Amino acid sequence: MILIFGGVYQGKLAYAMERFGLTQTDVHRCGDDDIAIPENKRAIYEIDRWVLALVRAERDVSEAVAELIAQNENAIVICNDISCGVVPIDPGMRKWREEVGRALGTIARSCDEVIRLFCSIPTRVK
């Protein structure tokens, strides 16, 4: 598994598509209300939105992340880094932010490679 993370609009998906030769059909785009992730996609984009869907559905995020890792061991996971900035006042949004951080840590530990994009410049973290 490969993790690519960075701020919003930093070029994460474009980088992944170019580096790994992905097409749009290779990419699953997560939604705020969709907790299903197909196993046959080469890349999973905006995993932070998937975590939000899990939080809203009151699902156990750590359990879902473990399943994601087990079922998608060769996937490229792409996530917006939401750890910077103002901490939300809303308890639900704070929980989402915390769960994304935990999910990224768990995913990163199981990855062969972790890349951070900043200003569209990739930096290998692991």
Protein backbone atom coordinates (compact mmCIF):
# COMPACT_ATOMS: atom_id res chain seq x y z
CA MET A 1 0.00 0.00 0.00
CA ILE A 2 1.10 3.56 -0.73
CA LEU A 3 -0.17 6.64 1.11
CA ILE A 4 -0.14 10.09 -0.46
CA PHE A 5 -1.25 12.96 1.77
CA GLY A 6 -1.11 16.73 1.78
CA GLY A 7 -3.25 19.83 1.93
CA VAL A 8 -6.27 20.43 -0.25
CA TYR A 9 -5.46 21.41 -3.86
CA GLN A 10 -1.79 20.42 -3.61
CA GLY A 11 -1.89 18.08 -6.63
CA LYS A 12 -2.09 14.71 -4.89
CA LEU A 13 -4.37 13.02 -7.41
CA ALA A 14 -2.54 14.44 -10.43
CA TYR A 15 0.75 13.25 -8.96
CA ALA A 16 -0.61 9.74 -8.32
CA MET A 17 -2.14 9.50 -11.79
CA GLU A 18 1.10 10.52 -13.48
CA ARG A 19 3.49 8.51 -11.31
CA PHE A 20 1.47 5.30 -11.29
CA GLY A 21 -0.18 5.56 -14.72
CA LEU A 22 -3.70 5.70 -13.31
CA THR A 23 -6.84 6.48 -15.28
CA GLN A 24 -10.05 7.96 -13.88
CA THR A 25 -11.60 4.47 -13.83
CA ASP A 26 -8.76 3.25 -11.58
CA VAL A 27 -9.74 5.77 -8.88
CA HIS A 28 -12.50 5.43 -6.29
CA ARG A 29 -13.61 8.87 -5.11
CA CYS A 30 -14.88 8.76 -1.54
CA GLY A 31 -17.95 10.73 -0.52
CA ASP A 32 -19.11 12.24 2.76
CA ASP A 33 -21.97 9.74 2.95
CA ASP A 34 -20.49 6.64 1.28
CA ILE A 35 -18.87 4.05 3.55
CA ALA A 36 -18.44 1.40 0.84
CA ILE A 37 -15.04 1.17 -0.86
CA PRO A 38 -14.75 -1.26 -3.77
CA GLU A 39 -11.83 -3.70 -3.63
CA ASN A 40 -11.04 -3.52 -7.36
CA LYS A 41 -9.78 0.07 -7.54
CA ARG A 42 -6.06 0.86 -7.76
CA ALA A 43 -6.46 4.17 -5.90
CA ILE A 44 -8.74 5.44 -3.15
CA TYR A 45 -9.07 9.24 -3.25
CA GLU A 46 -10.05 11.56 -0.39
CA ILE A 47 -10.06 8.92 2.33
CA ASP A 48 -10.75 11.77 4.76
CA ARG A 49 -14.27 12.02 3.30
CA TRP A 50 -14.72 8.27 3.85
CA VAL A 51 -13.75 8.72 7.50
CA LEU A 52 -16.34 11.51 7.76
CA ALA A 53 -18.99 9.12 6.40
CA LEU A 54 -17.95 6.54 9.00
CA VAL A 55 -18.14 9.08 11.83
CA ARG A 56 -21.58 10.24 10.67
CA ALA A 57 -22.77 6.62 10.49
CA GLU A 58 -21.33 6.05 14.00
CA ARG A 59 -19.13 3.23 12.72
CA ASP A 60 -15.91 2.13 14.40
CA VAL A 61 -13.26 3.89 12.31
CA SER A 62 -10.30 1.81 13.54
CA GLU A 63 -12.14 -1.40 12.62
CA ALA A 64 -13.05 -0.01 9.18
CA VAL A 65 -9.46 1.10 8.57
CA ALA A 66 -8.18 -2.39 9.47
CA GLU A 67 -10.61 -3.86 6.92
CA LEU A 68 -9.54 -1.30 4.32
CA ILE A 69 -5.88 -2.25 4.78
CA ALA A 70 -6.60 -5.98 4.63
CA GLN A 71 -8.76 -5.72 1.50
CA ASN A 72 -6.66 -3.17 -0.42
CA GLU A 73 -3.05 -4.06 0.32
CA ASN A 74 -1.87 -2.89 -3.13
CA ALA A 75 -3.92 0.32 -3.29
CA ILE A 76 -2.74 3.90 -3.45
CA VAL A 77 -4.55 5.79 -0.68
CA ILE A 78 -4.84 9.56 -1.09
CA CYS A 79 -5.88 11.80 1.80
CA ASN A 80 -6.30 15.49 2.48
CA ASP A 81 -4.29 16.50 5.52
CA ILE A 82 -6.85 18.17 7.78
CA SER A 83 -4.61 18.31 10.85
CA CYS A 84 -3.53 21.92 10.38
CA GLY A 85 -5.59 24.99 11.01
CA VAL A 86 -8.25 25.93 13.51
CA VAL A 87 -9.68 23.13 15.64
CA PRO A 88 -13.42 22.93 14.95
CA ILE A 89 -15.85 23.99 17.70
CA ASP A 90 -18.38 21.39 16.60
CA PRO A 91 -17.76 18.12 18.51
CA GLY A 92 -18.62 15.97 15.49
CA MET A 93 -16.14 17.77 13.26
CA ARG A 94 -13.47 17.53 16.00
CA LYS A 95 -14.09 13.80 16.21
CA TRP A 96 -13.75 13.54 12.42
CA ARG A 97 -10.44 15.42 12.49
CA GLU A 98 -9.11 13.19 15.27
CA GLU A 99 -10.25 10.01 13.50
CA VAL A 100 -8.57 11.07 10.24
CA GLY A 101 -5.31 11.55 12.15
CA ARG A 102 -5.56 8.10 13.73
CA ALA A 103 -6.53 6.52 10.41
CA LEU A 104 -3.55 8.09 8.64
CA GLY A 105 -1.20 6.81 11.35
CA THR A 106 -2.55 3.28 11.05
CA ILE A 107 -2.47 3.32 7.26
CA ALA A 108 1.03 4.83 7.16
CA ARG A 109 2.44 2.13 9.44
CA SER A 110 1.21 -0.56 7.05
CA CYS A 111 2.44 1.19 3.89
CA ASP A 112 5.56 0.45 1.90
CA GLU A 113 5.78 4.11 0.95
CA VAL A 114 4.34 7.37 2.34
CA ILE A 115 4.53 10.60 0.32
CA ARG A 116 3.58 14.12 1.38
CA LEU A 117 2.77 16.70 -1.27
CA PHE A 118 3.24 20.38 -0.54
CA CYS A 119 2.95 22.93 -3.36
CA SER A 120 2.73 19.92 -5.70
CA ILE A 121 6.23 18.83 -4.64
CA PRO A 122 6.43 15.25 -3.35
CA THR A 123 8.53 14.41 -0.31
CA ARG A 124 9.02 10.80 0.67
CA VAL A 125 8.24 10.36 4.38
CA LYS A 126 8.64 6.60 4.47
